[in-house]
Amino acid sequence: MNVRRMTSGDADEVAALCEQLGELASPPQIAHRLGLIAERRDQAAFVAEDDERIVGWVHVYGHVPLAEEAFAEIGGLVVERRERGQGAGRLLVETAEAWARDAGYDELRVAPQTARESAHEFFEQLGYARTATTVQFARPL
């Protein structure tokens, strides 16, 4: 298993994995967003490969809130259903943690959807603790 930075050439496989998150994103949308991520020092995206086939990805980015300490957050993580339990998710999280440490963050957070109990169990097995229950609001601009 190999973990490396995501490139625009990965857009087709990454878009297919997005469907497993319940998100529909086309390869051109993924390539565009990856271009925006690549321009920023406070974000990174990585893929896990097995036999030159992408089996998962993680997106990590930094937050610098005014009223609390800065932290990094996993914005997305998915591993191909058939590959779960084989170590790709752990490697991707470890890569996100290393990126966050190298970027100067002291904490890495993740907020999986409440319905994704298997994701909650996965992060708890990795030593993550539940720290908050929140409600999120959004408004189109």
Foldseek 3Di string as FASTA:
>chain_A
DDKDFDALVCLCLVQVQVVVVVDHDHSVRVNVVVVVQVVDLFKTKMFDDDPNHTFKMWIKGKDPDPPDHIAMETPDIGGHPVCPPVCRRVVRVVVNVVSRVVVPHPYYYYDDDPVPVVVVVVVVVVVDDDDDDDDDDDDDD
